[in-house]
Amino acid sequence: MDLPRTERVQGRGLKTTLTGRVKGWLEQGALPDDPELAQDLTGVEYGYDAKNAIQIERKEDMKRRGLLSPDIGDALALTFAWPLQPEVDYRWHDPPRVRILDKDHDYDPFHDI
């Protein structure tokens, strides 16, 4: 999977970019009380590379520390791989009203089929 160049954070890999998006979302979002998910999100360490860019710990390094692969945390991060655009509601006039899908509406994956 590869994000468009404009979507990827400068100097960061995909995992670091997605982890940053999850972190930003968690400032306002909420997660279920799941101990495995909490371990996946808090068990990963980070450091800095030679260019002072954030570097997320590799799975191999986590395994050496005795941790399991953060599969559920990775699944959460992958939900941020492609940003969703707000849906514009054109029924309203002047100015167009933006309707955020997760605010008052359920997401319908079959809406456009």
C-alpha atoms as a PDB file:
ATOM      1  CA  MET A   1       0.000   0.000   0.000  1.00  0.00           C
ATOM      2  CA  ASP A   2       1.336   3.412  -0.861  1.00  0.00           C
ATOM      3  CA  LEU A   3      -0.105   6.825  -0.097  1.00  0.00           C
ATOM      4  CA  PRO A   4       0.065   9.648  -2.629  1.00  0.00           C
ATOM      5  CA  ARG A   5       3.171  11.770  -2.110  1.00  0.00           C
ATOM      6  CA  THR A   6       1.049  14.691  -0.944  1.00  0.00           C
ATOM      7  CA  GLU A   7      -0.514  12.548   1.799  1.00  0.00           C
ATOM      8  CA  ARG A   8       2.680  11.118   3.241  1.00  0.00           C
ATOM      9  CA  VAL A   9       4.347  13.121   5.987  1.00  0.00           C
ATOM     10  CA  GLN A  10       7.693  14.451   4.786  1.00  0.00           C
ATOM     11  CA  GLY A  11      10.576  12.156   5.702  1.00  0.00           C
ATOM     12  CA  ARG A  12       8.416   9.507   7.386  1.00  0.00           C
ATOM     13  CA  GLY A  13       7.567   5.954   6.469  1.00  0.00           C
ATOM     14  CA  LEU A  14       4.034   4.683   6.092  1.00  0.00           C
ATOM     15  CA  LYS A  15       3.876   3.188   9.598  1.00  0.00           C
ATOM     16  CA  THR A  16       5.062   6.434  11.175  1.00  0.00           C
ATOM     17  CA  THR A  17       2.603   8.471   9.097  1.00  0.00           C
ATOM     18  CA  LEU A  18      -0.349   6.271  10.058  1.00  0.00           C
ATOM     19  CA  THR A  19       0.691   6.159  13.716  1.00  0.00           C
ATOM     20  CA  GLY A  20       0.758   9.962  13.714  1.00  0.00           C
ATOM     21  CA  ARG A  21      -2.767  10.051  12.288  1.00  0.00           C
ATOM     22  CA  VAL A  22      -4.029   7.666  14.973  1.00  0.00           C
ATOM     23  CA  LYS A  23      -2.369   9.784  17.657  1.00  0.00           C
ATOM     24  CA  GLY A  24      -4.002  12.936  16.282  1.00  0.00           C
ATOM     25  CA  TRP A  25      -7.411  11.264  16.083  1.00  0.00           C
ATOM     26  CA  LEU A  26      -7.143   9.994  19.664  1.00  0.00           C
ATOM     27  CA  GLU A  27      -7.047  13.597  20.894  1.00  0.00           C
ATOM     28  CA  GLN A  28     -10.808  13.716  20.162  1.00  0.00           C
ATOM     29  CA  GLY A  29     -11.775  10.130  19.322  1.00  0.00           C
ATOM     30  CA  ALA A  30     -12.557   7.212  21.605  1.00  0.00           C
ATOM     31  CA  LEU A  31     -11.647   3.544  21.627  1.00  0.00           C
ATOM     32  CA  PRO A  32     -13.248   0.538  23.303  1.00  0.00           C
ATOM     33  CA  ASP A  33     -11.818  -0.684  26.590  1.00  0.00           C
ATOM     34  CA  ASP A  34      -9.772  -3.491  25.044  1.00  0.00           C
ATOM     35  CA  PRO A  35      -6.596  -4.587  26.878  1.00  0.00           C
ATOM     36  CA  GLU A  36      -5.045  -6.097  23.733  1.00  0.00           C
ATOM     37  CA  LEU A  37      -5.580  -2.901  21.737  1.00  0.00           C
ATOM     38  CA  ALA A  38      -4.200  -0.828  24.608  1.00  0.00           C
ATOM     39  CA  GLN A  39      -1.078  -3.035  24.715  1.00  0.00           C
ATOM     40  CA  ASP A  40      -0.649  -2.746  20.948  1.00  0.00           C
ATOM     41  CA  LEU A  41      -0.850   1.047  21.072  1.00  0.00           C
ATOM     42  CA  THR A  42       1.306   1.595  24.164  1.00  0.00           C
ATOM     43  CA  GLY A  43       3.871  -1.175  23.680  1.00  0.00           C
ATOM     44  CA  VAL A  44       5.467   0.325  20.575  1.00  0.00           C
ATOM     45  CA  GLU A  45       8.502   2.484  21.258  1.00  0.00           C
ATOM     46  CA  TYR A  46       9.915   5.181  19.040  1.00  0.00           C
ATOM     47  CA  GLY A  47      13.150   7.023  18.509  1.00  0.00           C
ATOM     48  CA  TYR A  48      14.743   9.438  16.081  1.00  0.00           C
ATOM     49  CA  ASP A  49      16.853   8.770  13.021  1.00  0.00           C
ATOM     50  CA  ALA A  50      19.949  10.678  11.855  1.00  0.00           C
ATOM     51  CA  LYS A  51      17.737  13.398  10.332  1.00  0.00           C
ATOM     52  CA  ASN A  52      15.884  13.812  13.644  1.00  0.00           C
ATOM     53  CA  ALA A  53      12.696  12.330  12.173  1.00  0.00           C
ATOM     54  CA  ILE A  54      10.517  10.083  14.338  1.00  0.00           C
ATOM     55  CA  GLN A  55      11.163   6.394  13.773  1.00  0.00           C
ATOM     56  CA  ILE A  56       8.597   3.821  14.972  1.00  0.00           C
ATOM     57  CA  GLU A  57       9.945   0.578  16.437  1.00  0.00           C
ATOM     58  CA  ARG A  58      10.054  -2.371  14.050  1.00  0.00           C
ATOM     59  CA  LYS A  59       8.056  -5.514  14.800  1.00  0.00           C
ATOM     60  CA  GLU A  60      11.265  -7.540  14.921  1.00  0.00           C
ATOM     61  CA  ASP A  61      12.555  -5.317  17.719  1.00  0.00           C
ATOM     62  CA  MET A  62       9.264  -5.652  19.601  1.00  0.00           C
ATOM     63  CA  LYS A  63       9.513  -9.445  19.372  1.00  0.00           C
ATOM     64  CA  ARG A  64      13.049  -9.298  20.795  1.00  0.00           C
ATOM     65  CA  ARG A  65      11.610  -7.408  23.769  1.00  0.00           C
ATOM     66  CA  GLY A  66       9.087 -10.204  24.283  1.00  0.00           C
ATOM     67  CA  LEU A  67       6.043  -8.407  22.862  1.00  0.00           C
ATOM     68  CA  LEU A  68       3.600  -9.896  20.384  1.00  0.00           C
ATOM     69  CA  SER A  69       3.019  -8.371  16.969  1.00  0.00           C
ATOM     70  CA  PRO A  70       0.608  -5.401  17.364  1.00  0.00           C
ATOM     71  CA  ASP A  71      -1.956  -6.779  14.916  1.00  0.00           C
ATOM     72  CA  ILE A  72      -4.999  -4.983  16.314  1.00  0.00           C
ATOM     73  CA  GLY A  73      -3.090  -1.699  16.625  1.00  0.00           C
ATOM     74  CA  ASP A  74      -1.889  -2.088  13.032  1.00  0.00           C
ATOM     75  CA  ALA A  75      -5.464  -2.739  11.895  1.00  0.00           C
ATOM     76  CA  LEU A  76      -6.572   0.467  13.593  1.00  0.00           C
ATOM     77  CA  ALA A  77      -3.727   2.385  11.930  1.00  0.00           C
ATOM     78  CA  LEU A  78      -4.683   1.031   8.504  1.00  0.00           C
ATOM     79  CA  THR A  79      -8.127   2.601   8.855  1.00  0.00           C
ATOM     80  CA  PHE A  80      -6.292   5.935   8.547  1.00  0.00           C
ATOM     81  CA  ALA A  81      -4.419   4.955   5.371  1.00  0.00           C
ATOM     82  CA  TRP A  82      -6.712   6.843   3.040  1.00  0.00           C
ATOM     83  CA  PRO A  83      -8.398   9.939   4.457  1.00  0.00           C
ATOM     84  CA  LEU A  84     -12.166  10.171   4.059  1.00  0.00           C
ATOM     85  CA  GLN A  85     -13.485  13.351   2.569  1.00  0.00           C
ATOM     86  CA  PRO A  86     -16.509  15.040   4.123  1.00  0.00           C
ATOM     87  CA  GLU A  87     -19.683  14.603   2.142  1.00  0.00           C
ATOM     88  CA  VAL A  88     -21.142  17.883   0.892  1.00  0.00           C
ATOM     89  CA  ASP A  89     -24.900  18.170   1.278  1.00  0.00           C
ATOM     90  CA  TYR A  90     -26.119  20.138  -1.734  1.00  0.00           C
ATOM     91  CA  ARG A  91     -29.734  20.301  -0.535  1.00  0.00           C
ATOM     92  CA  TRP A  92     -28.861  23.369   1.491  1.00  0.00           C
ATOM     93  CA  HIS A  93     -28.273  26.655  -0.250  1.00  0.00           C
ATOM     94  CA  ASP A  94     -25.730  29.328   0.461  1.00  0.00           C
ATOM     95  CA  PRO A  95     -23.219  28.093   1.647  1.00  0.00           C
ATOM     96  CA  PRO A  96     -23.121  24.331   1.043  1.00  0.00           C
ATOM     97  CA  ARG A  97     -23.357  22.416   4.302  1.00  0.00           C
ATOM     98  CA  VAL A  98     -20.723  19.783   4.980  1.00  0.00           C
ATOM     99  CA  ARG A  99     -22.040  16.596   6.526  1.00  0.00           C
ATOM    100  CA  ILE A 100     -19.490  14.503   8.411  1.00  0.00           C
ATOM    101  CA  LEU A 101     -20.427  10.863   7.962  1.00  0.00           C
ATOM    102  CA  ASP A 102     -19.654   9.729  11.498  1.00  0.00           C
ATOM    103  CA  LYS A 103     -21.360  12.641  13.261  1.00  0.00           C
ATOM    104  CA  ASP A 104     -25.080  11.962  12.881  1.00  0.00           C
ATOM    105  CA  HIS A 105     -25.118   9.399  10.089  1.00  0.00           C
ATOM    106  CA  ASP A 106     -24.108   5.787   9.858  1.00  0.00           C
ATOM    107  CA  TYR A 107     -21.575   4.914   7.188  1.00  0.00           C
ATOM    108  CA  ASP A 108     -23.202   2.933   4.382  1.00  0.00           C
ATOM    109  CA  PRO A 109     -20.613   1.136   2.232  1.00  0.00           C
ATOM    110  CA  PHE A 110     -23.347   0.248  -0.293  1.00  0.00           C
ATOM    111  CA  HIS A 111     -24.674   3.825  -0.674  1.00  0.00           C
ATOM    112  CA  ASP A 112     -23.259   4.341  -4.195  1.00  0.00           C
ATOM    113  CA  ILE A 113     -23.794   0.810  -5.543  1.00  0.00           C
END
